[in-house]
Amino acid sequence: MLTLVKRGRYVLLRHCVDEGVAQMYRGLHQWNFNMRQGDFISWDEAGEYNVTQPLRRQATVQCHYEDAAGGRKKWIVCIIRKKP
């Protein structure tokens, strides 16, 4: 996605926090998404991958949490801005 977006533009990701665990890694829910010390983290039972670190040269990455309607789930929102 970052390769396709124009310089100075954004990729916006919004995922349920750790939905892979909640759905027992079935169907589309093969990965979990979360945040650690401001970095966007993707993980599964085999390990974790810091998505923010390899993007630092070409983009800024900002993440925050949002509560879903009704407060039953929490979302992670990740805004990736391609550097000009």
N, C-alpha and C. Protein backbone atom coordinates (compact mmCIF):
# COMPACT_ATOMS: atom_id res chain seq x y z
N MET A 1 0.82 -1.19 0.00
CA MET A 1 0.00 0.00 0.00
C MET A 1 0.86 1.26 0.00
N LEU A 2 1.92 1.24 0.79
CA LEU A 2 2.79 2.41 0.87
C LEU A 2 3.49 2.66 -0.46
N THR A 3 3.81 1.62 -1.18
CA THR A 3 4.45 1.77 -2.48
C THR A 3 3.52 2.49 -3.46
N LEU A 4 2.24 2.24 -3.38
CA LEU A 4 1.28 2.81 -4.32
C LEU A 4 0.82 4.22 -4.00
N VAL A 5 0.88 4.59 -2.72
CA VAL A 5 0.39 5.91 -2.33
C VAL A 5 1.41 6.99 -2.73
N LYS A 6 0.91 8.17 -3.11
CA LYS A 6 1.78 9.27 -3.50
C LYS A 6 2.53 9.82 -2.29
N ARG A 7 3.68 10.45 -2.55
CA ARG A 7 4.46 11.07 -1.48
C ARG A 7 3.61 12.11 -0.74
N GLY A 8 3.72 12.11 0.57
CA GLY A 8 2.97 13.05 1.39
C GLY A 8 1.55 12.60 1.69
N ARG A 9 1.12 11.49 1.13
CA ARG A 9 -0.24 10.96 1.35
C ARG A 9 -0.22 9.85 2.38
N TYR A 10 -1.39 9.31 2.67
CA TYR A 10 -1.57 8.42 3.82
C TYR A 10 -2.09 7.04 3.45
N VAL A 11 -1.71 6.09 4.28
CA VAL A 11 -2.35 4.78 4.33
C VAL A 11 -2.96 4.70 5.72
N LEU A 12 -4.24 4.40 5.80
CA LEU A 12 -4.94 4.33 7.07
C LEU A 12 -5.36 2.89 7.32
N LEU A 13 -4.95 2.35 8.46
CA LEU A 13 -5.32 0.99 8.84
C LEU A 13 -6.14 1.05 10.11
N ARG A 14 -7.19 0.26 10.15
CA ARG A 14 -8.05 0.20 11.35
C ARG A 14 -8.42 -1.26 11.57
N HIS A 15 -7.98 -1.81 12.69
CA HIS A 15 -8.18 -3.22 12.99
C HIS A 15 -8.66 -3.40 14.42
N CYS A 16 -9.43 -4.44 14.65
CA CYS A 16 -9.75 -4.84 16.02
C CYS A 16 -8.46 -5.33 16.67
N VAL A 17 -8.23 -4.92 17.90
CA VAL A 17 -7.03 -5.33 18.62
C VAL A 17 -7.07 -6.84 18.87
N ASP A 18 -5.99 -7.52 18.49
CA ASP A 18 -5.79 -8.95 18.75
C ASP A 18 -6.96 -9.83 18.33
N GLU A 19 -7.52 -9.54 17.17
CA GLU A 19 -8.68 -10.28 16.67
C GLU A 19 -8.33 -11.72 16.28
N GLY A 20 -7.07 -11.99 15.93
CA GLY A 20 -6.67 -13.37 15.62
C GLY A 20 -6.92 -14.30 16.80
N VAL A 21 -6.54 -13.86 17.98
CA VAL A 21 -6.77 -14.66 19.19
C VAL A 21 -8.27 -14.85 19.41
N ALA A 22 -9.02 -13.74 19.29
CA ALA A 22 -10.46 -13.79 19.53
C ALA A 22 -11.17 -14.74 18.57
N GLN A 23 -10.69 -14.85 17.32
CA GLN A 23 -11.32 -15.69 16.31
C GLN A 23 -10.59 -17.03 16.12
N MET A 24 -9.65 -17.32 17.02
CA MET A 24 -8.89 -18.57 17.00
C MET A 24 -8.18 -18.79 15.65
N TYR A 25 -7.69 -17.70 15.08
CA TYR A 25 -6.88 -17.72 13.85
C TYR A 25 -7.60 -18.38 12.67
N ARG A 26 -8.91 -18.23 12.61
CA ARG A 26 -9.68 -18.80 11.51
C ARG A 26 -10.01 -17.75 10.47
N GLY A 27 -10.22 -18.20 9.25
CA GLY A 27 -10.64 -17.31 8.16
C GLY A 27 -9.62 -16.22 7.89
N LEU A 28 -10.11 -14.99 7.83
CA LEU A 28 -9.23 -13.85 7.56
C LEU A 28 -8.43 -13.42 8.78
N HIS A 29 -8.72 -14.00 9.91
CA HIS A 29 -8.11 -13.55 11.17
C HIS A 29 -6.86 -14.36 11.51
N GLN A 30 -5.86 -14.27 10.66
CA GLN A 30 -4.63 -15.03 10.85
C GLN A 30 -3.60 -14.28 11.70
N TRP A 31 -3.79 -12.99 11.87
CA TRP A 31 -2.84 -12.16 12.59
C TRP A 31 -3.53 -11.32 13.65
N ASN A 32 -2.76 -10.91 14.63
CA ASN A 32 -3.21 -9.96 15.65
C ASN A 32 -2.52 -8.64 15.38
N PHE A 33 -3.18 -7.55 15.72
CA PHE A 33 -2.60 -6.22 15.58
C PHE A 33 -2.71 -5.50 16.91
N ASN A 34 -1.63 -4.82 17.28
CA ASN A 34 -1.62 -4.09 18.53
C ASN A 34 -0.55 -3.01 18.46
N MET A 35 -0.31 -2.35 19.58
CA MET A 35 0.65 -1.26 19.64
C MET A 35 1.52 -1.46 20.88
N ARG A 36 2.81 -1.19 20.72
CA ARG A 36 3.72 -1.24 21.86
C ARG A 36 4.66 -0.05 21.77
N GLN A 37 4.66 0.77 22.79
CA GLN A 37 5.49 1.98 22.85
C GLN A 37 5.32 2.82 21.59
N GLY A 38 4.10 2.91 21.10
CA GLY A 38 3.78 3.72 19.93
C GLY A 38 4.01 3.04 18.60
N ASP A 39 4.63 1.87 18.59
CA ASP A 39 4.89 1.14 17.35
C ASP A 39 3.75 0.19 17.01
N PHE A 40 3.47 0.05 15.73
CA PHE A 40 2.44 -0.86 15.24
C PHE A 40 3.04 -2.27 15.19
N ILE A 41 2.39 -3.21 15.87
CA ILE A 41 2.89 -4.57 16.00
C ILE A 41 1.88 -5.55 15.41
N SER A 42 2.37 -6.47 14.60
CA SER A 42 1.57 -7.58 14.08
C SER A 42 2.17 -8.86 14.66
N TRP A 43 1.32 -9.76 15.15
CA TRP A 43 1.86 -10.97 15.76
C TRP A 43 0.89 -12.14 15.62
N ASP A 44 1.46 -13.34 15.76
CA ASP A 44 0.67 -14.57 15.82
C ASP A 44 1.38 -15.51 16.79
N GLU A 45 0.96 -16.75 16.83
CA GLU A 45 1.54 -17.69 17.80
C GLU A 45 3.03 -17.95 17.55
N ALA A 46 3.50 -17.76 16.34
CA ALA A 46 4.89 -18.02 15.99
C ALA A 46 5.83 -16.87 16.35
N GLY A 47 5.30 -15.67 16.53
CA GLY A 47 6.16 -14.54 16.87
C GLY A 47 5.52 -13.22 16.50
N GLU A 48 6.31 -12.17 16.63
CA GLU A 48 5.77 -10.84 16.34
C GLU A 48 6.68 -10.09 15.36
N TYR A 49 6.06 -9.09 14.72
CA TYR A 49 6.74 -8.29 13.72
C TYR A 49 6.43 -6.82 14.00
N ASN A 50 7.46 -6.02 14.20
CA ASN A 50 7.28 -4.60 14.39
C ASN A 50 7.15 -3.96 13.01
N VAL A 51 5.97 -3.49 12.68
CA VAL A 51 5.70 -2.92 11.36
C VAL A 51 6.30 -1.52 11.24
N THR A 52 6.38 -0.79 12.33
CA THR A 52 6.85 0.59 12.31
C THR A 52 8.33 0.70 11.95
N GLN A 53 9.16 -0.11 12.54
CA GLN A 53 10.61 0.04 12.39
C GLN A 53 11.10 0.02 10.94
N PRO A 54 10.72 -0.97 10.11
CA PRO A 54 11.24 -0.96 8.74
C PRO A 54 10.67 0.16 7.86
N LEU A 55 9.61 0.83 8.32
CA LEU A 55 9.01 1.91 7.53
C LEU A 55 9.58 3.29 7.87
N ARG A 56 10.38 3.40 8.89
CA ARG A 56 10.86 4.70 9.38
C ARG A 56 11.57 5.54 8.33
N ARG A 57 12.28 4.94 7.41
CA ARG A 57 13.00 5.71 6.38
C ARG A 57 12.06 6.34 5.37
N GLN A 58 10.95 5.68 5.10
CA GLN A 58 10.07 6.16 4.04
C GLN A 58 8.74 6.72 4.51
N ALA A 59 8.45 6.59 5.81
CA ALA A 59 7.13 7.03 6.29
C ALA A 59 7.17 7.36 7.78
N THR A 60 6.18 8.14 8.21
CA THR A 60 5.93 8.32 9.63
C THR A 60 4.74 7.44 9.99
N VAL A 61 4.79 6.85 11.16
CA VAL A 61 3.74 5.94 11.59
C VAL A 61 3.21 6.42 12.94
N GLN A 62 1.90 6.65 13.01
CA GLN A 62 1.25 7.06 14.26
C GLN A 62 0.11 6.11 14.53
N CYS A 63 0.03 5.62 15.76
CA CYS A 63 -1.04 4.68 16.14
C CYS A 63 -1.76 5.19 17.38
N HIS A 64 -3.03 4.86 17.46
CA HIS A 64 -3.81 5.14 18.67
C HIS A 64 -4.95 4.13 18.75
N TYR A 65 -5.54 4.05 19.93
CA TYR A 65 -6.67 3.15 20.16
C TYR A 65 -7.99 3.93 20.07
N GLU A 66 -9.02 3.23 19.64
CA GLU A 66 -10.39 3.75 19.65
C GLU A 66 -11.29 2.68 20.23
N ASP A 67 -12.30 3.10 20.95
CA ASP A 67 -13.31 2.15 21.43
C ASP A 67 -14.35 1.95 20.35
N ALA A 68 -14.76 0.70 20.15
CA ALA A 68 -15.82 0.41 19.19
C ALA A 68 -17.16 0.79 19.80
N ALA A 69 -18.15 0.93 18.96
CA ALA A 69 -19.49 1.25 19.44
C ALA A 69 -19.91 0.22 20.48
N GLY A 70 -20.44 0.68 21.57
CA GLY A 70 -20.86 -0.21 22.63
C GLY A 70 -19.74 -0.57 23.59
N GLY A 71 -18.50 -0.23 23.23
CA GLY A 71 -17.37 -0.44 24.12
C GLY A 71 -16.93 -1.87 24.31
N ARG A 72 -17.45 -2.80 23.48
CA ARG A 72 -17.09 -4.20 23.68
C ARG A 72 -15.72 -4.54 23.10
N LYS A 73 -15.30 -3.83 22.08
CA LYS A 73 -14.01 -4.10 21.45
C LYS A 73 -13.21 -2.81 21.38
N LYS A 74 -11.92 -3.00 21.24
CA LYS A 74 -11.03 -1.85 21.06
C LYS A 74 -10.41 -1.98 19.68
N TRP A 75 -10.27 -0.84 19.01
CA TRP A 75 -9.66 -0.78 17.68
C TRP A 75 -8.29 -0.15 17.79
N ILE A 76 -7.39 -0.56 16.91
CA ILE A 76 -6.13 0.15 16.74
C ILE A 76 -6.19 0.84 15.38
N VAL A 77 -5.88 2.11 15.38
CA VAL A 77 -5.85 2.91 14.16
C VAL A 77 -4.39 3.28 13.91
N CYS A 78 -3.93 3.00 12.71
CA CYS A 78 -2.54 3.27 12.36
C CYS A 78 -2.53 4.16 11.11
N ILE A 79 -1.92 5.31 11.24
CA ILE A 79 -1.83 6.27 10.14
C ILE A 79 -0.38 6.29 9.66
N ILE A 80 -0.19 5.87 8.42
CA ILE A 80 1.14 5.81 7.84
C ILE A 80 1.22 6.88 6.75
N ARG A 81 2.10 7.86 6.94
CA ARG A 81 2.24 8.95 5.98
C ARG A 81 3.56 8.79 5.23
N LYS A 82 3.47 8.64 3.93
CA LYS A 82 4.67 8.53 3.11
C LYS A 82 5.39 9.87 3.11
N LYS A 83 6.67 9.83 3.36
CA LYS A 83 7.45 11.07 3.41
C LYS A 83 7.53 11.72 2.04
N PRO A 84 7.51 13.08 2.02
CA PRO A 84 7.60 13.80 0.74
C PRO A 84 8.93 13.59 0.03
